[in-house]
């Protein structure tokens, strides 16, 4: 018997719920329930929700922060995802290592959000690269290393599939020497000295941030 997962979407926009539900992949049995910001805690308990998606376009930042603190205290197994995360306002205080599973900016399209939610369901965490580069150690979200670029992450991800340098070069439409340069920089940033060590590091850390 398949288990139905319950995700709560905290938003005042019925349109958002309908759009998300319409794009949700069929292979996952996830029930999306819209909840008014004023009644979130009751619904988390009643629906045994595993994820709370907070729409920052209709929920104030301070209230969202209070939600997350309350969930962390009373429902520590519940993870939080933020939609419509602002760029003009520094809202990084919302990102907590133990509870935040994903962040999607105002510019993120519905197709990308749907893909990101699917990755989160598979156990990943999803954050915009701009936030990755801007988060400091106080947030405890990422290792204390120089951030990898998008291309470096692509190369590292390709290592996990067993691709050779030439395979990766062909996939990314660059020369093999360019891939070697990327790998050299990746090895230096993550503190490894071999391909095997890089793969082991990626298996542990790379899923934490998808870009």
C-alpha atoms as a PDB file:
ATOM      1  CA  UNK A   1       0.000   0.000   0.000  1.00  0.00           C
ATOM      2  CA  UNK A   2       1.349   3.422  -0.946  1.00  0.00           C
ATOM      3  CA  UNK A   3       1.731   6.021   1.765  1.00  0.00           C
ATOM      4  CA  UNK A   4       0.234   9.431   1.096  1.00  0.00           C
ATOM      5  CA  UNK A   5       2.408  12.293   2.304  1.00  0.00           C
ATOM      6  CA  UNK A   6       0.768  15.426   3.638  1.00  0.00           C
ATOM      7  CA  UNK A   7       2.325  18.759   2.814  1.00  0.00           C
ATOM      8  CA  UNK A   8       0.815  21.981   4.099  1.00  0.00           C
ATOM      9  CA  UNK A   9       1.033  25.141   2.011  1.00  0.00           C
ATOM     10  CA  UNK A  10       0.711  28.276   4.137  1.00  0.00           C
ATOM     11  CA  UNK A  11      -0.653  30.871   1.746  1.00  0.00           C
ATOM     12  CA  UNK A  12      -3.620  33.134   1.202  1.00  0.00           C
ATOM     13  CA  UNK A  13      -3.506  32.375  -2.535  1.00  0.00           C
ATOM     14  CA  UNK A  14      -5.810  29.595  -3.740  1.00  0.00           C
ATOM     15  CA  UNK A  15      -4.381  30.073  -7.230  1.00  0.00           C
ATOM     16  CA  UNK A  16      -0.916  29.086  -6.002  1.00  0.00           C
ATOM     17  CA  UNK A  17      -2.247  25.831  -4.529  1.00  0.00           C
ATOM     18  CA  UNK A  18      -4.063  24.926  -7.730  1.00  0.00           C
ATOM     19  CA  UNK A  19      -1.014  25.670  -9.869  1.00  0.00           C
ATOM     20  CA  UNK A  20       1.300  23.611  -7.659  1.00  0.00           C
ATOM     21  CA  UNK A  21      -1.134  20.697  -7.533  1.00  0.00           C
ATOM     22  CA  UNK A  22      -1.502  20.808 -11.306  1.00  0.00           C
ATOM     23  CA  UNK A  23       2.245  20.513 -11.822  1.00  0.00           C
ATOM     24  CA  UNK A  24       2.912  17.928  -9.123  1.00  0.00           C
ATOM     25  CA  UNK A  25       4.502  14.762 -10.633  1.00  0.00           C
ATOM     26  CA  UNK A  26       2.213  11.750 -10.672  1.00  0.00           C
ATOM     27  CA  UNK A  27       4.821   9.349  -9.281  1.00  0.00           C
ATOM     28  CA  UNK A  28       4.554  10.957  -5.822  1.00  0.00           C
ATOM     29  CA  UNK A  29       1.521  10.583  -3.610  1.00  0.00           C
ATOM     30  CA  UNK A  30       1.531  13.973  -1.963  1.00  0.00           C
ATOM     31  CA  UNK A  31      -1.564  15.760  -0.716  1.00  0.00           C
ATOM     32  CA  UNK A  32      -1.223  19.539  -0.727  1.00  0.00           C
ATOM     33  CA  UNK A  33      -3.416  21.304   1.820  1.00  0.00           C
ATOM     34  CA  UNK A  34      -3.862  25.069   1.888  1.00  0.00           C
ATOM     35  CA  UNK A  35      -3.761  26.576   5.359  1.00  0.00           C
ATOM     36  CA  UNK A  36      -4.414  30.101   6.516  1.00  0.00           C
ATOM     37  CA  UNK A  37      -1.385  31.527   8.366  1.00  0.00           C
ATOM     38  CA  UNK A  38      -3.495  31.937  11.495  1.00  0.00           C
ATOM     39  CA  UNK A  39      -4.224  28.211  11.892  1.00  0.00           C
ATOM     40  CA  UNK A  40      -1.002  26.498  10.808  1.00  0.00           C
ATOM     41  CA  UNK A  41      -0.119  24.642  14.020  1.00  0.00           C
ATOM     42  CA  UNK A  42      -3.508  22.967  14.320  1.00  0.00           C
ATOM     43  CA  UNK A  43      -3.285  21.646  10.756  1.00  0.00           C
ATOM     44  CA  UNK A  44       0.270  20.324  11.137  1.00  0.00           C
ATOM     45  CA  UNK A  45      -0.845  18.186  14.046  1.00  0.00           C
ATOM     46  CA  UNK A  46      -4.170  17.060  12.562  1.00  0.00           C
ATOM     47  CA  UNK A  47      -2.748  16.131   9.133  1.00  0.00           C
ATOM     48  CA  UNK A  48       0.513  14.606  10.381  1.00  0.00           C
ATOM     49  CA  UNK A  49       2.267  16.826   7.877  1.00  0.00           C
ATOM     50  CA  UNK A  50       5.919  16.196   7.021  1.00  0.00           C
ATOM     51  CA  UNK A  51       6.495  19.453   5.130  1.00  0.00           C
ATOM     52  CA  UNK A  52       5.264  23.021   5.472  1.00  0.00           C
ATOM     53  CA  UNK A  53       5.574  25.264   2.410  1.00  0.00           C
ATOM     54  CA  UNK A  54       5.381  28.946   3.353  1.00  0.00           C
ATOM     55  CA  UNK A  55       4.428  31.505   0.704  1.00  0.00           C
ATOM     56  CA  UNK A  56       6.338  34.655   1.656  1.00  0.00           C
ATOM     57  CA  UNK A  57       4.307  36.644  -0.867  1.00  0.00           C
ATOM     58  CA  UNK A  58       1.324  36.388   1.474  1.00  0.00           C
ATOM     59  CA  UNK A  59       2.975  35.714   4.857  1.00  0.00           C
ATOM     60  CA  UNK A  60       5.009  38.331   6.699  1.00  0.00           C
ATOM     61  CA  UNK A  61       8.666  37.480   7.354  1.00  0.00           C
ATOM     62  CA  UNK A  62       8.357  37.854  11.108  1.00  0.00           C
ATOM     63  CA  UNK A  63       5.306  35.585  11.197  1.00  0.00           C
ATOM     64  CA  UNK A  64       7.104  33.023   9.038  1.00  0.00           C
ATOM     65  CA  UNK A  65      10.015  33.102  11.469  1.00  0.00           C
ATOM     66  CA  UNK A  66       7.638  32.500  14.374  1.00  0.00           C
ATOM     67  CA  UNK A  67       6.103  29.563  12.466  1.00  0.00           C
ATOM     68  CA  UNK A  68       9.481  27.974  11.940  1.00  0.00           C
ATOM     69  CA  UNK A  69      10.530  28.421  15.563  1.00  0.00           C
ATOM     70  CA  UNK A  70       7.264  26.912  16.739  1.00  0.00           C
ATOM     71  CA  UNK A  71       7.537  23.966  14.346  1.00  0.00           C
ATOM     72  CA  UNK A  72      11.134  23.306  15.408  1.00  0.00           C
ATOM     73  CA  UNK A  73      10.032  23.211  19.027  1.00  0.00           C
ATOM     74  CA  UNK A  74       6.766  21.265  18.781  1.00  0.00           C
ATOM     75  CA  UNK A  75       7.187  19.298  15.519  1.00  0.00           C
ATOM     76  CA  UNK A  76      10.963  18.826  15.006  1.00  0.00           C
ATOM     77  CA  UNK A  77      10.514  16.261  12.224  1.00  0.00           C
ATOM     78  CA  UNK A  78       8.626  18.720  10.003  1.00  0.00           C
ATOM     79  CA  UNK A  79      10.691  20.486   7.342  1.00  0.00           C
ATOM     80  CA  UNK A  80      10.059  23.970   5.956  1.00  0.00           C
ATOM     81  CA  UNK A  81      10.213  25.270   2.376  1.00  0.00           C
ATOM     82  CA  UNK A  82       9.965  28.959   1.468  1.00  0.00           C
ATOM     83  CA  UNK A  83       8.408  30.238  -1.750  1.00  0.00           C
ATOM     84  CA  UNK A  84       8.810  33.800  -3.089  1.00  0.00           C
ATOM     85  CA  UNK A  85      11.928  34.401  -0.985  1.00  0.00           C
ATOM     86  CA  UNK A  86      12.800  38.130  -1.316  1.00  0.00           C
ATOM     87  CA  UNK A  87      16.068  39.358  -2.799  1.00  0.00           C
ATOM     88  CA  UNK A  88      15.820  42.990  -1.793  1.00  0.00           C
ATOM     89  CA  UNK A  89      15.323  42.181   1.900  1.00  0.00           C
ATOM     90  CA  UNK A  90      17.844  40.185   3.933  1.00  0.00           C
ATOM     91  CA  UNK A  91      15.656  37.282   5.085  1.00  0.00           C
ATOM     92  CA  UNK A  92      18.451  34.765   5.672  1.00  0.00           C
ATOM     93  CA  UNK A  93      17.488  34.594   9.349  1.00  0.00           C
ATOM     94  CA  UNK A  94      14.685  32.285   8.162  1.00  0.00           C
ATOM     95  CA  UNK A  95      17.177  29.647   7.017  1.00  0.00           C
ATOM     96  CA  UNK A  96      17.809  27.115   9.781  1.00  0.00           C
ATOM     97  CA  UNK A  97      20.037  24.065   9.403  1.00  0.00           C
ATOM     98  CA  UNK A  98      17.684  21.712  11.232  1.00  0.00           C
ATOM     99  CA  UNK A  99      14.398  22.670   9.590  1.00  0.00           C
ATOM    100  CA  UNK A 100      14.844  24.499   6.259  1.00  0.00           C
ATOM    101  CA  UNK A 101      14.644  22.101   3.320  1.00  0.00           C
ATOM    102  CA  UNK A 102      14.350  24.559   0.465  1.00  0.00           C
ATOM    103  CA  UNK A 103      14.200  28.171  -0.659  1.00  0.00           C
ATOM    104  CA  UNK A 104      12.756  29.478  -3.933  1.00  0.00           C
ATOM    105  CA  UNK A 105      13.143  33.130  -4.882  1.00  0.00           C
ATOM    106  CA  UNK A 106      10.501  35.454  -6.277  1.00  0.00           C
ATOM    107  CA  UNK A 107      11.758  34.876  -9.826  1.00  0.00           C
ATOM    108  CA  UNK A 108      11.524  31.074  -9.661  1.00  0.00           C
ATOM    109  CA  UNK A 109       8.990  29.648 -12.114  1.00  0.00           C
ATOM    110  CA  UNK A 110       6.401  26.999 -11.271  1.00  0.00           C
ATOM    111  CA  UNK A 111       8.168  24.304 -13.299  1.00  0.00           C
ATOM    112  CA  UNK A 112      11.392  24.891 -11.384  1.00  0.00           C
ATOM    113  CA  UNK A 113       9.547  24.935  -8.056  1.00  0.00           C
ATOM    114  CA  UNK A 114       7.866  21.631  -8.917  1.00  0.00           C
ATOM    115  CA  UNK A 115      11.223  20.074  -9.802  1.00  0.00           C
ATOM    116  CA  UNK A 116      12.752  21.448  -6.621  1.00  0.00           C
ATOM    117  CA  UNK A 117       9.947  20.039  -4.463  1.00  0.00           C
ATOM    118  CA  UNK A 118      10.462  16.657  -6.114  1.00  0.00           C
ATOM    119  CA  UNK A 119      14.159  16.792  -5.229  1.00  0.00           C
ATOM    120  CA  UNK A 120      13.301  17.730  -1.652  1.00  0.00           C
ATOM    121  CA  UNK A 121      10.959  14.751  -1.483  1.00  0.00           C
ATOM    122  CA  UNK A 122      13.910  12.574  -2.487  1.00  0.00           C
ATOM    123  CA  UNK A 123      15.870  13.833   0.510  1.00  0.00           C
ATOM    124  CA  UNK A 124      17.737  16.780  -1.008  1.00  0.00           C
ATOM    125  CA  UNK A 125      17.828  20.378   0.125  1.00  0.00           C
ATOM    126  CA  UNK A 126      17.428  23.117  -2.460  1.00  0.00           C
ATOM    127  CA  UNK A 127      18.794  26.667  -2.192  1.00  0.00           C
ATOM    128  CA  UNK A 128      19.515  29.427  -4.760  1.00  0.00           C
ATOM    129  CA  UNK A 129      23.213  29.780  -5.544  1.00  0.00           C
ATOM    130  CA  UNK A 130      23.057  33.457  -4.523  1.00  0.00           C
ATOM    131  CA  UNK A 131      22.088  32.448  -1.001  1.00  0.00           C
ATOM    132  CA  UNK A 132      24.724  29.734  -0.867  1.00  0.00           C
ATOM    133  CA  UNK A 133      27.434  32.270  -1.592  1.00  0.00           C
ATOM    134  CA  UNK A 134      25.994  34.777   0.860  1.00  0.00           C
ATOM    135  CA  UNK A 135      25.339  32.577   3.878  1.00  0.00           C
ATOM    136  CA  UNK A 136      27.888  32.876   6.654  1.00  0.00           C
ATOM    137  CA  UNK A 137      28.918  30.296   9.247  1.00  0.00           C
ATOM    138  CA  UNK A 138      26.338  31.482  11.767  1.00  0.00           C
ATOM    139  CA  UNK A 139      23.582  29.738   9.821  1.00  0.00           C
ATOM    140  CA  UNK A 140      25.302  26.351  10.049  1.00  0.00           C
ATOM    141  CA  UNK A 141      23.886  25.268   6.695  1.00  0.00           C
ATOM    142  CA  UNK A 142      27.038  24.615   4.755  1.00  0.00           C
ATOM    143  CA  UNK A 143      30.579  23.439   5.266  1.00  0.00           C
ATOM    144  CA  UNK A 144      33.197  26.097   5.989  1.00  0.00           C
ATOM    145  CA  UNK A 145      34.675  25.907   2.500  1.00  0.00           C
ATOM    146  CA  UNK A 146      34.975  28.205  -0.485  1.00  0.00           C
ATOM    147  CA  UNK A 147      31.668  27.893  -2.395  1.00  0.00           C
ATOM    148  CA  UNK A 148      31.671  25.749  -5.510  1.00  0.00           C
ATOM    149  CA  UNK A 149      30.522  27.365  -8.735  1.00  0.00           C
ATOM    150  CA  UNK A 150      27.569  26.016 -10.678  1.00  0.00           C
ATOM    151  CA  UNK A 151      29.894  24.459 -13.259  1.00  0.00           C
ATOM    152  CA  UNK A 152      32.068  22.896 -10.559  1.00  0.00           C
ATOM    153  CA  UNK A 153      28.980  21.324  -9.033  1.00  0.00           C
ATOM    154  CA  UNK A 154      27.960  20.006 -12.436  1.00  0.00           C
ATOM    155  CA  UNK A 155      31.377  18.388 -12.849  1.00  0.00           C
ATOM    156  CA  UNK A 156      31.256  16.913  -9.350  1.00  0.00           C
ATOM    157  CA  UNK A 157      27.739  15.615  -9.966  1.00  0.00           C
ATOM    158  CA  UNK A 158      28.966  13.948 -13.161  1.00  0.00           C
ATOM    159  CA  UNK A 159      31.649  12.122 -11.168  1.00  0.00           C
ATOM    160  CA  UNK A 160      28.897  10.408  -9.208  1.00  0.00           C
ATOM    161  CA  UNK A 161      27.618   8.789 -12.409  1.00  0.00           C
ATOM    162  CA  UNK A 162      31.035   7.271 -13.137  1.00  0.00           C
ATOM    163  CA  UNK A 163      31.758   9.563 -16.079  1.00  0.00           C
ATOM    164  CA  UNK A 164      35.333   9.987 -17.290  1.00  0.00           C
ATOM    165  CA  UNK A 165      36.860  13.414 -17.870  1.00  0.00           C
ATOM    166  CA  UNK A 166      36.194  13.020 -21.589  1.00  0.00           C
ATOM    167  CA  UNK A 167      32.585  12.005 -20.937  1.00  0.00           C
ATOM    168  CA  UNK A 168      32.059  15.073 -18.760  1.00  0.00           C
ATOM    169  CA  UNK A 169      33.713  17.316 -21.364  1.00  0.00           C
ATOM    170  CA  UNK A 170      31.346  16.013 -24.035  1.00  0.00           C
ATOM    171  CA  UNK A 171      28.324  16.470 -21.755  1.00  0.00           C
ATOM    172  CA  UNK A 172      29.242  20.077 -20.978  1.00  0.00           C
ATOM    173  CA  UNK A 173      30.559  20.935 -24.454  1.00  0.00           C
ATOM    174  CA  UNK A 174      34.024  21.944 -23.249  1.00  0.00           C
ATOM    175  CA  UNK A 175      37.530  20.540 -23.656  1.00  0.00           C
ATOM    176  CA  UNK A 176      38.928  17.756 -21.499  1.00  0.00           C
ATOM    177  CA  UNK A 177      41.626  20.111 -20.194  1.00  0.00           C
ATOM    178  CA  UNK A 178      38.895  22.477 -18.978  1.00  0.00           C
ATOM    179  CA  UNK A 179      37.345  19.624 -17.002  1.00  0.00           C
ATOM    180  CA  UNK A 180      40.739  18.843 -15.462  1.00  0.00           C
ATOM    181  CA  UNK A 181      41.027  22.477 -14.398  1.00  0.00           C
ATOM    182  CA  UNK A 182      37.562  22.372 -12.838  1.00  0.00           C
ATOM    183  CA  UNK A 183      38.451  19.188 -10.955  1.00  0.00           C
ATOM    184  CA  UNK A 184      41.682  20.697  -9.684  1.00  0.00           C
ATOM    185  CA  UNK A 185      39.750  23.644  -8.256  1.00  0.00           C
ATOM    186  CA  UNK A 186      37.045  21.389  -6.816  1.00  0.00           C
ATOM    187  CA  UNK A 187      39.637  19.158  -5.107  1.00  0.00           C
ATOM    188  CA  UNK A 188      41.283  22.226  -3.577  1.00  0.00           C
ATOM    189  CA  UNK A 189      38.003  23.714  -2.354  1.00  0.00           C
ATOM    190  CA  UNK A 190      36.673  20.540  -0.722  1.00  0.00           C
ATOM    191  CA  UNK A 191      40.053  19.409   0.595  1.00  0.00           C
ATOM    192  CA  UNK A 192      40.535  16.095  -1.230  1.00  0.00           C
ATOM    193  CA  UNK A 193      43.374  14.734  -3.340  1.00  0.00           C
ATOM    194  CA  UNK A 194      41.819  11.974  -5.413  1.00  0.00           C
ATOM    195  CA  UNK A 195      38.819  11.204  -7.581  1.00  0.00           C
ATOM    196  CA  UNK A 196      37.600   8.573  -5.121  1.00  0.00           C
ATOM    197  CA  UNK A 197      37.763  11.029  -2.215  1.00  0.00           C
ATOM    198  CA  UNK A 198      35.866  13.608  -4.285  1.00  0.00           C
ATOM    199  CA  UNK A 199      33.122  11.081  -5.039  1.00  0.00           C
ATOM    200  CA  UNK A 200      32.869  10.157  -1.356  1.00  0.00           C
ATOM    201  CA  UNK A 201      32.635  13.842  -0.437  1.00  0.00           C
ATOM    202  CA  UNK A 202      29.960  14.444  -3.065  1.00  0.00           C
ATOM    203  CA  UNK A 203      27.878  11.500  -1.849  1.00  0.00           C
ATOM    204  CA  UNK A 204      27.794  13.061   1.614  1.00  0.00           C
ATOM    205  CA  UNK A 205      27.605  16.772   0.852  1.00  0.00           C
ATOM    206  CA  UNK A 206      26.514  17.488  -2.710  1.00  0.00           C
ATOM    207  CA  UNK A 207      22.859  16.614  -2.148  1.00  0.00           C
ATOM    208  CA  UNK A 208      22.617  19.332   0.504  1.00  0.00           C
ATOM    209  CA  UNK A 209      22.510  22.068  -2.101  1.00  0.00           C
ATOM    210  CA  UNK A 210      21.085  21.633  -5.556  1.00  0.00           C
ATOM    211  CA  UNK A 211      21.520  24.365  -8.122  1.00  0.00           C
END
